[in-house]
Amino acid sequence: MNNRAIYPVLALLVLCSLLLVNSQYQARQLFMELERTRMRQRANEIEWAQLQLNQSLLAKHARIDSMAKSTLHMQPPAAGRTQYLTAAAP
């Protein structure tokens, strides 16, 4: 084979090798970004579950009742203070 024909093939081989290394590097970068995103997703799911649990605990009737009695000094109406309204017949 002629020496002149070897140089373009050699240059093409080097170019292909560099492109392969570059594509592998980009694939690794994308994979690492994907893993970081998955970790953030798992953390967000855990935080969402904790927030839902906190919301359900804060919305319980017994807690609201105790907070109304202690903080706002509310008390249930006595039977004597309750007024019932009836609609008059036309």
PDB file of N, CA and C in Angstrom:
ATOM      1  N   MET A   1       0.843  -1.177   0.000  1.00  0.00           N
ATOM      2  CA  MET A   1       0.000   0.000   0.000  1.00  0.00           C
ATOM      3  C   MET A   1       0.890   1.242   0.000  1.00  0.00           C
ATOM      4  N   ASN A   2       0.413   2.246  -0.569  1.00  0.00           N
ATOM      5  CA  ASN A   2       1.153   3.483  -0.738  1.00  0.00           C
ATOM      6  C   ASN A   2       1.139   4.277   0.569  1.00  0.00           C
ATOM      7  N   ASN A   3       2.267   4.951   0.899  1.00  0.00           N
ATOM      8  CA  ASN A   3       2.358   5.769   2.118  1.00  0.00           C
ATOM      9  C   ASN A   3       1.365   6.925   2.102  1.00  0.00           C
ATOM     10  N   ARG A   4       1.098   7.440   0.926  1.00  0.00           N
ATOM     11  CA  ARG A   4       0.159   8.548   0.833  1.00  0.00           C
ATOM     12  C   ARG A   4      -1.256   8.114   1.199  1.00  0.00           C
ATOM     13  N   ALA A   5      -1.639   6.927   0.959  1.00  0.00           N
ATOM     14  CA  ALA A   5      -2.987   6.430   1.270  1.00  0.00           C
ATOM     15  C   ALA A   5      -3.137   6.137   2.759  1.00  0.00           C
ATOM     16  N   ILE A   6      -2.054   5.914   3.464  1.00  0.00           N
ATOM     17  CA  ILE A   6      -2.111   5.588   4.895  1.00  0.00           C
ATOM     18  C   ILE A   6      -2.478   6.819   5.716  1.00  0.00           C
ATOM     19  N   TYR A   7      -1.992   8.006   5.340  1.00  0.00           N
ATOM     20  CA  TYR A   7      -2.224   9.212   6.143  1.00  0.00           C
ATOM     21  C   TYR A   7      -3.705   9.606   6.240  1.00  0.00           C
ATOM     22  N   PRO A   8      -4.445   9.604   5.164  1.00  0.00           N
ATOM     23  CA  PRO A   8      -5.877   9.925   5.316  1.00  0.00           C
ATOM     24  C   PRO A   8      -6.624   8.879   6.154  1.00  0.00           C
ATOM     25  N   VAL A   9      -6.272   7.623   5.997  1.00  0.00           N
ATOM     26  CA  VAL A   9      -6.914   6.569   6.799  1.00  0.00           C
ATOM     27  C   VAL A   9      -6.548   6.743   8.271  1.00  0.00           C
ATOM     28  N   LEU A  10      -5.286   7.062   8.534  1.00  0.00           N
ATOM     29  CA  LEU A  10      -4.833   7.286   9.904  1.00  0.00           C
ATOM     30  C   LEU A  10      -5.533   8.506  10.518  1.00  0.00           C
ATOM     31  N   ALA A  11      -5.666   9.577   9.743  1.00  0.00           N
ATOM     32  CA  ALA A  11      -6.365  10.774  10.231  1.00  0.00           C
ATOM     33  C   ALA A  11      -7.828  10.459  10.508  1.00  0.00           C
ATOM     34  N   LEU A  12      -8.455   9.685   9.648  1.00  0.00           N
ATOM     35  CA  LEU A  12      -9.844   9.287   9.846  1.00  0.00           C
ATOM     36  C   LEU A  12      -9.991   8.414  11.086  1.00  0.00           C
ATOM     37  N   LEU A  13      -9.038   7.528  11.308  1.00  0.00           N
ATOM     38  CA  LEU A  13      -9.059   6.667  12.484  1.00  0.00           C
ATOM     39  C   LEU A  13      -8.924   7.493  13.772  1.00  0.00           C
ATOM     40  N   VAL A  14      -8.034   8.472  13.794  1.00  0.00           N
ATOM     41  CA  VAL A  14      -7.847   9.344  14.955  1.00  0.00           C
ATOM     42  C   VAL A  14      -9.114  10.165  15.204  1.00  0.00           C
ATOM     43  N   LEU A  15      -9.692  10.681  14.121  1.00  0.00           N
ATOM     44  CA  LEU A  15     -10.921  11.458  14.251  1.00  0.00           C
ATOM     45  C   LEU A  15     -12.054  10.612  14.827  1.00  0.00           C
ATOM     46  N   CYS A  16     -12.210   9.408  14.316  1.00  0.00           N
ATOM     47  CA  CYS A  16     -13.253   8.508  14.835  1.00  0.00           C
ATOM     48  C   CYS A  16     -13.000   8.171  16.304  1.00  0.00           C
ATOM     49  N   SER A  17     -11.762   7.974  16.674  1.00  0.00           N
ATOM     50  CA  SER A  17     -11.425   7.675  18.069  1.00  0.00           C
ATOM     51  C   SER A  17     -11.780   8.846  18.975  1.00  0.00           C
ATOM     52  N   LEU A  18     -11.468  10.059  18.537  1.00  0.00           N
ATOM     53  CA  LEU A  18     -11.803  11.243  19.334  1.00  0.00           C
ATOM     54  C   LEU A  18     -13.319  11.418  19.461  1.00  0.00           C
ATOM     55  N   LEU A  19     -14.035  11.181  18.379  1.00  0.00           N
ATOM     56  CA  LEU A  19     -15.496  11.278  18.429  1.00  0.00           C
ATOM     57  C   LEU A  19     -16.091  10.226  19.364  1.00  0.00           C
ATOM     58  N   LEU A  20     -15.523   9.036  19.368  1.00  0.00           N
ATOM     59  CA  LEU A  20     -15.992   7.981  20.259  1.00  0.00           C
ATOM     60  C   LEU A  20     -15.763   8.352  21.720  1.00  0.00           C
ATOM     61  N   VAL A  21     -14.589   8.872  22.026  1.00  0.00           N
ATOM     62  CA  VAL A  21     -14.284   9.296  23.399  1.00  0.00           C
ATOM     63  C   VAL A  21     -15.225  10.412  23.817  1.00  0.00           C
ATOM     64  N   ASN A  22     -15.472  11.363  22.921  1.00  0.00           N
ATOM     65  CA  ASN A  22     -16.367  12.469  23.230  1.00  0.00           C
ATOM     66  C   ASN A  22     -17.797  11.975  23.477  1.00  0.00           C
ATOM     67  N   SER A  23     -18.279  11.063  22.665  1.00  0.00           N
ATOM     68  CA  SER A  23     -19.648  10.564  22.848  1.00  0.00           C
ATOM     69  C   SER A  23     -19.764   9.759  24.143  1.00  0.00           C
ATOM     70  N   GLN A  24     -18.745   9.010  24.511  1.00  0.00           N
ATOM     71  CA  GLN A  24     -18.778   8.284  25.778  1.00  0.00           C
ATOM     72  C   GLN A  24     -18.780   9.252  26.963  1.00  0.00           C
ATOM     73  N   TYR A  25     -18.007  10.323  26.859  1.00  0.00           N
ATOM     74  CA  TYR A  25     -17.980  11.330  27.916  1.00  0.00           C
ATOM     75  C   TYR A  25     -19.357  11.977  28.073  1.00  0.00           C
ATOM     76  N   GLN A  26     -19.987  12.334  26.963  1.00  0.00           N
ATOM     77  CA  GLN A  26     -21.312  12.931  27.031  1.00  0.00           C
ATOM     78  C   GLN A  26     -22.337  11.955  27.598  1.00  0.00           C
ATOM     79  N   ALA A  27     -22.224  10.684  27.245  1.00  0.00           N
ATOM     80  CA  ALA A  27     -23.143   9.675  27.780  1.00  0.00           C
ATOM     81  C   ALA A  27     -22.973   9.552  29.292  1.00  0.00           C
ATOM     82  N   ARG A  28     -21.753   9.595  29.786  1.00  0.00           N
ATOM     83  CA  ARG A  28     -21.519   9.541  31.231  1.00  0.00           C
ATOM     84  C   ARG A  28     -22.099  10.768  31.926  1.00  0.00           C
ATOM     85  N   GLN A  29     -21.916  11.936  31.310  1.00  0.00           N
ATOM     86  CA  GLN A  29     -22.459  13.167  31.894  1.00  0.00           C
ATOM     87  C   GLN A  29     -23.984  13.092  31.979  1.00  0.00           C
ATOM     88  N   LEU A  30     -24.617  12.617  30.916  1.00  0.00           N
ATOM     89  CA  LEU A  30     -26.074  12.484  30.918  1.00  0.00           C
ATOM     90  C   LEU A  30     -26.546  11.464  31.944  1.00  0.00           C
ATOM     91  N   PHE A  31     -25.807  10.378  32.084  1.00  0.00           N
ATOM     92  CA  PHE A  31     -26.175   9.365  33.069  1.00  0.00           C
ATOM     93  C   PHE A  31     -26.065   9.918  34.487  1.00  0.00           C
ATOM     94  N   MET A  32     -25.005  10.690  34.743  1.00  0.00           N
ATOM     95  CA  MET A  32     -24.855  11.280  36.083  1.00  0.00           C
ATOM     96  C   MET A  32     -25.975  12.279  36.357  1.00  0.00           C
ATOM     97  N   GLU A  33     -26.371  13.048  35.370  1.00  0.00           N
ATOM     98  CA  GLU A  33     -27.478  13.994  35.531  1.00  0.00           C
ATOM     99  C   GLU A  33     -28.790  13.237  35.772  1.00  0.00           C
ATOM    100  N   LEU A  34     -28.970  12.139  35.077  1.00  0.00           N
ATOM    101  CA  LEU A  34     -30.158  11.309  35.291  1.00  0.00           C
ATOM    102  C   LEU A  34     -30.201  10.768  36.714  1.00  0.00           C
ATOM    103  N   GLU A  35     -29.082  10.304  37.225  1.00  0.00           N
ATOM    104  CA  GLU A  35     -29.035   9.792  38.597  1.00  0.00           C
ATOM    105  C   GLU A  35     -29.297  10.896  39.617  1.00  0.00           C
ATOM    106  N   ARG A  36     -28.742  12.086  39.375  1.00  0.00           N
ATOM    107  CA  ARG A  36     -29.017  13.214  40.279  1.00  0.00           C
ATOM    108  C   ARG A  36     -30.500  13.560  40.272  1.00  0.00           C
ATOM    109  N   THR A  37     -31.112  13.523  39.103  1.00  0.00           N
ATOM    110  CA  THR A  37     -32.537  13.820  38.987  1.00  0.00           C
ATOM    111  C   THR A  37     -33.371  12.760  39.701  1.00  0.00           C
ATOM    112  N   ARG A  38     -32.985  11.508  39.575  1.00  0.00           N
ATOM    113  CA  ARG A  38     -33.702  10.436  40.284  1.00  0.00           C
ATOM    114  C   ARG A  38     -33.585  10.601  41.795  1.00  0.00           C
ATOM    115  N   MET A  39     -32.406  10.997  42.273  1.00  0.00           N
ATOM    116  CA  MET A  39     -32.233  11.208  43.708  1.00  0.00           C
ATOM    117  C   MET A  39     -33.101  12.366  44.189  1.00  0.00           C
ATOM    118  N   ARG A  40     -33.159  13.448  43.406  1.00  0.00           N
ATOM    119  CA  ARG A  40     -34.027  14.582  43.769  1.00  0.00           C
ATOM    120  C   ARG A  40     -35.487  14.166  43.765  1.00  0.00           C
ATOM    121  N   GLN A  41     -35.863  13.304  42.809  1.00  0.00           N
ATOM    122  CA  GLN A  41     -37.244  12.831  42.735  1.00  0.00           C
ATOM    123  C   GLN A  41     -37.586  12.016  43.982  1.00  0.00           C
ATOM    124  N   ARG A  42     -36.682  11.133  44.386  1.00  0.00           N
ATOM    125  CA  ARG A  42     -36.937  10.334  45.596  1.00  0.00           C
ATOM    126  C   ARG A  42     -37.050  11.235  46.824  1.00  0.00           C
ATOM    127  N   ALA A  43     -36.178  12.223  46.923  1.00  0.00           N
ATOM    128  CA  ALA A  43     -36.240  13.151  48.057  1.00  0.00           C
ATOM    129  C   ALA A  43     -37.544  13.933  48.043  1.00  0.00           C
ATOM    130  N   ASN A  44     -37.986  14.357  46.864  1.00  0.00           N
ATOM    131  CA  ASN A  44     -39.251  15.084  46.765  1.00  0.00           C
ATOM    132  C   ASN A  44     -40.438  14.196  47.123  1.00  0.00           C
ATOM    133  N   GLU A  45     -40.394  12.933  46.733  1.00  0.00           N
ATOM    134  CA  GLU A  45     -41.476  12.014  47.085  1.00  0.00           C
ATOM    135  C   GLU A  45     -41.545  11.801  48.596  1.00  0.00           C
ATOM    136  N   ILE A  46     -40.388  11.688  49.238  1.00  0.00           N
ATOM    137  CA  ILE A  46     -40.354  11.525  50.697  1.00  0.00           C
ATOM    138  C   ILE A  46     -40.895  12.778  51.368  1.00  0.00           C
ATOM    139  N   GLU A  47     -40.468  13.941  50.891  1.00  0.00           N
ATOM    140  CA  GLU A  47     -40.959  15.188  51.473  1.00  0.00           C
ATOM    141  C   GLU A  47     -42.460  15.335  51.271  1.00  0.00           C
ATOM    142  N   TRP A  48     -42.977  14.935  50.103  1.00  0.00           N
ATOM    143  CA  TRP A  48     -44.410  15.007  49.826  1.00  0.00           C
ATOM    144  C   TRP A  48     -45.186  14.099  50.784  1.00  0.00           C
ATOM    145  N   ALA A  49     -44.679  12.908  51.015  1.00  0.00           N
ATOM    146  CA  ALA A  49     -45.350  11.992  51.948  1.00  0.00           C
ATOM    147  C   ALA A  49     -45.360  12.577  53.355  1.00  0.00           C
ATOM    148  N   GLN A  50     -44.252  13.200  53.765  1.00  0.00           N
ATOM    149  CA  GLN A  50     -44.197  13.808  55.096  1.00  0.00           C
ATOM    150  C   GLN A  50     -45.166  14.979  55.194  1.00  0.00           C
ATOM    151  N   LEU A  51     -45.265  15.774  54.143  1.00  0.00           N
ATOM    152  CA  LEU A  51     -46.194  16.898  54.149  1.00  0.00           C
ATOM    153  C   LEU A  51     -47.647  16.424  54.208  1.00  0.00           C
ATOM    154  N   GLN A  52     -47.953  15.356  53.491  1.00  0.00           N
ATOM    155  CA  GLN A  52     -49.313  14.818  53.553  1.00  0.00           C
ATOM    156  C   GLN A  52     -49.627  14.294  54.945  1.00  0.00           C
ATOM    157  N   LEU A  53     -48.655  13.640  55.585  1.00  0.00           N
ATOM    158  CA  LEU A  53     -48.857  13.150  56.941  1.00  0.00           C
ATOM    159  C   LEU A  53     -49.067  14.308  57.901  1.00  0.00           C
ATOM    160  N   ASN A  54     -48.242  15.351  57.782  1.00  0.00           N
ATOM    161  CA  ASN A  54     -48.403  16.526  58.641  1.00  0.00           C
ATOM    162  C   ASN A  54     -49.760  17.183  58.428  1.00  0.00           C
ATOM    163  N   GLN A  55     -50.195  17.267  57.197  1.00  0.00           N
ATOM    164  CA  GLN A  55     -51.487  17.881  56.913  1.00  0.00           C
ATOM    165  C   GLN A  55     -52.609  17.062  57.538  1.00  0.00           C
ATOM    166  N   SER A  56     -52.531  15.751  57.445  1.00  0.00           N
ATOM    167  CA  SER A  56     -53.594  14.925  58.028  1.00  0.00           C
ATOM    168  C   SER A  56     -53.591  15.024  59.554  1.00  0.00           C
ATOM    169  N   LEU A  57     -52.401  15.149  60.149  1.00  0.00           N
ATOM    170  CA  LEU A  57     -52.337  15.295  61.603  1.00  0.00           C
ATOM    171  C   LEU A  57     -52.890  16.645  62.053  1.00  0.00           C
ATOM    172  N   LEU A  58     -52.572  17.698  61.292  1.00  0.00           N
ATOM    173  CA  LEU A  58     -53.027  19.035  61.668  1.00  0.00           C
ATOM    174  C   LEU A  58     -54.529  19.218  61.454  1.00  0.00           C
ATOM    175  N   ALA A  59     -55.119  18.443  60.578  1.00  0.00           N
ATOM    176  CA  ALA A  59     -56.534  18.611  60.259  1.00  0.00           C
ATOM    177  C   ALA A  59     -57.447  17.699  61.068  1.00  0.00           C
ATOM    178  N   LYS A  60     -56.932  16.948  62.003  1.00  0.00           N
ATOM    179  CA  LYS A  60     -57.781  16.054  62.796  1.00  0.00           C
ATOM    180  C   LYS A  60     -58.720  16.874  63.670  1.00  0.00           C
ATOM    181  N   HIS A  61     -59.943  16.377  63.803  1.00  0.00           N
ATOM    182  CA  HIS A  61     -60.976  17.090  64.541  1.00  0.00           C
ATOM    183  C   HIS A  61     -60.580  17.304  66.002  1.00  0.00           C
ATOM    184  N   ALA A  62     -59.994  16.308  66.633  1.00  0.00           N
ATOM    185  CA  ALA A  62     -59.628  16.432  68.048  1.00  0.00           C
ATOM    186  C   ALA A  62     -58.579  17.535  68.242  1.00  0.00           C
ATOM    187  N   ARG A  63     -57.629  17.655  67.342  1.00  0.00           N
ATOM    188  CA  ARG A  63     -56.607  18.692  67.461  1.00  0.00           C
ATOM    189  C   ARG A  63     -57.222  20.072  67.270  1.00  0.00           C
ATOM    190  N   ILE A  64     -58.089  20.197  66.275  1.00  0.00           N
ATOM    191  CA  ILE A  64     -58.741  21.484  66.041  1.00  0.00           C
ATOM    192  C   ILE A  64     -59.587  21.874  67.244  1.00  0.00           C
ATOM    193  N   ASP A  65     -60.286  20.908  67.815  1.00  0.00           N
ATOM    194  CA  ASP A  65     -61.120  21.176  68.988  1.00  0.00           C
ATOM    195  C   ASP A  65     -60.270  21.621  70.175  1.00  0.00           C
ATOM    196  N   SER A  66     -59.165  20.941  70.418  1.00  0.00           N
ATOM    197  CA  SER A  66     -58.320  21.316  71.548  1.00  0.00           C
ATOM    198  C   SER A  66     -57.660  22.678  71.325  1.00  0.00           C
ATOM    199  N   MET A  67     -57.261  22.975  70.092  1.00  0.00           N
ATOM    200  CA  MET A  67     -56.672  24.286  69.805  1.00  0.00           C
ATOM    201  C   MET A  67     -57.714  25.394  69.976  1.00  0.00           C
ATOM    202  N   ALA A  68     -58.955  25.131  69.575  1.00  0.00           N
ATOM    203  CA  ALA A  68     -60.008  26.140  69.724  1.00  0.00           C
ATOM    204  C   ALA A  68     -60.278  26.407  71.203  1.00  0.00           C
ATOM    205  N   LYS A  69     -60.245  25.354  72.010  1.00  0.00           N
ATOM    206  CA  LYS A  69     -60.501  25.527  73.448  1.00  0.00           C
ATOM    207  C   LYS A  69     -59.331  26.219  74.145  1.00  0.00           C
ATOM    208  N   SER A  70     -58.098  25.829  73.805  1.00  0.00           N
ATOM    209  CA  SER A  70     -56.952  26.375  74.535  1.00  0.00           C
ATOM    210  C   SER A  70     -56.527  27.749  74.017  1.00  0.00           C
ATOM    211  N   THR A  71     -56.438  27.912  72.725  1.00  0.00           N
ATOM    212  CA  THR A  71     -55.937  29.160  72.169  1.00  0.00           C
ATOM    213  C   THR A  71     -57.015  30.242  72.095  1.00  0.00           C
ATOM    214  N   LEU A  72     -58.182  29.883  71.597  1.00  0.00           N
ATOM    215  CA  LEU A  72     -59.246  30.866  71.393  1.00  0.00           C
ATOM    216  C   LEU A  72     -60.252  30.911  72.539  1.00  0.00           C
ATOM    217  N   HIS A  73     -60.076  30.026  73.522  1.00  0.00           N
ATOM    218  CA  HIS A  73     -60.969  29.940  74.679  1.00  0.00           C
ATOM    219  C   HIS A  73     -62.425  29.742  74.245  1.00  0.00           C
ATOM    220  N   MET A  74     -62.617  28.933  73.251  1.00  0.00           N
ATOM    221  CA  MET A  74     -63.967  28.634  72.763  1.00  0.00           C
ATOM    222  C   MET A  74     -64.544  27.478  73.567  1.00  0.00           C
ATOM    223  N   GLN A  75     -65.847  27.420  73.634  1.00  0.00           N
ATOM    224  CA  GLN A  75     -66.522  26.316  74.312  1.00  0.00           C
ATOM    225  C   GLN A  75     -67.810  26.016  73.568  1.00  0.00           C
ATOM    226  N   PRO A  76     -68.270  24.785  73.653  1.00  0.00           N
ATOM    227  CA  PRO A  76     -69.494  24.444  72.934  1.00  0.00           C
ATOM    228  C   PRO A  76     -70.680  25.207  73.523  1.00  0.00           C
ATOM    229  N   PRO A  77     -71.642  25.571  72.711  1.00  0.00           N
ATOM    230  CA  PRO A  77     -72.790  26.328  73.212  1.00  0.00           C
ATOM    231  C   PRO A  77     -73.646  25.453  74.126  1.00  0.00           C
ATOM    232  N   ALA A  78     -74.152  26.080  75.173  1.00  0.00           N
ATOM    233  CA  ALA A  78     -75.042  25.365  76.094  1.00  0.00           C
ATOM    234  C   ALA A  78     -76.422  25.255  75.460  1.00  0.00           C
ATOM    235  N   ALA A  79     -77.184  24.315  75.932  1.00  0.00           N
ATOM    236  CA  ALA A  79     -78.518  24.105  75.372  1.00  0.00           C
ATOM    237  C   ALA A  79     -79.405  25.324  75.582  1.00  0.00           C
ATOM    238  N   GLY A  80     -79.230  26.030  76.707  1.00  0.00           N
ATOM    239  CA  GLY A  80     -80.043  27.204  76.987  1.00  0.00           C
ATOM    240  C   GLY A  80     -79.727  28.382  76.085  1.00  0.00           C
ATOM    241  N   ARG A  81     -78.545  28.413  75.512  1.00  0.00           N
ATOM    242  CA  ARG A  81     -78.140  29.540  74.665  1.00  0.00           C
ATOM    243  C   ARG A  81     -78.389  29.269  73.175  1.00  0.00           C
ATOM    244  N   THR A  82     -78.872  28.089  72.873  1.00  0.00           N
ATOM    245  CA  THR A  82     -79.100  27.704  71.481  1.00  0.00           C
ATOM    246  C   THR A  82     -80.477  28.184  71.051  1.00  0.00           C
ATOM    247  N   GLN A  83     -80.518  28.856  69.921  1.00  0.00           N
ATOM    248  CA  GLN A  83     -81.789  29.310  69.377  1.00  0.00           C
ATOM    249  C   GLN A  83     -82.073  28.557  68.084  1.00  0.00           C
ATOM    250  N   TYR A  84     -83.279  28.112  67.948  1.00  0.00           N
ATOM    251  CA  TYR A  84     -83.687  27.383  66.746  1.00  0.00           C
ATOM    252  C   TYR A  84     -84.648  28.261  65.964  1.00  0.00           C
ATOM    253  N   LEU A  85     -84.423  28.419  64.715  1.00  0.00           N
ATOM    254  CA  LEU A  85     -85.281  29.199  63.852  1.00  0.00           C
ATOM    255  C   LEU A  85     -86.113  28.281  63.000  1.00  0.00           C
ATOM    256  N   THR A  86     -87.364  28.609  62.892  1.00  0.00           N
ATOM    257  CA  THR A  86     -88.252  27.818  62.022  1.00  0.00           C
ATOM    258  C   THR A  86     -88.864  28.743  60.997  1.00  0.00           C
ATOM    259  N   ALA A  87     -89.115  28.214  59.872  1.00  0.00           N
ATOM    260  CA  ALA A  87     -89.726  29.004  58.806  1.00  0.00           C
ATOM    261  C   ALA A  87     -91.216  29.067  59.055  1.00  0.00           C
ATOM    262  N   ALA A  88     -91.796  30.239  58.965  1.00  0.00           N
ATOM    263  CA  ALA A  88     -93.226  30.412  59.137  1.00  0.00           C
ATOM    264  C   ALA A  88     -93.933  29.933  57.892  1.00  0.00           C
ATOM    265  N   ALA A  89     -95.054  29.296  58.117  1.00  0.00           N
ATOM    266  CA  ALA A  89     -95.833  28.792  56.989  1.00  0.00           C
ATOM    267  C   ALA A  89     -96.516  29.957  56.286  1.00  0.00           C
ATOM    268  N   PRO A  90     -96.508  30.038  54.978  1.00  0.00           N
ATOM    269  CA  PRO A  90     -97.135  31.163  54.275  1.00  0.00           C
ATOM    270  C   PRO A  90     -98.636  31.094  54.244  1.00  0.00           C
TER     271      PRO A  90
END
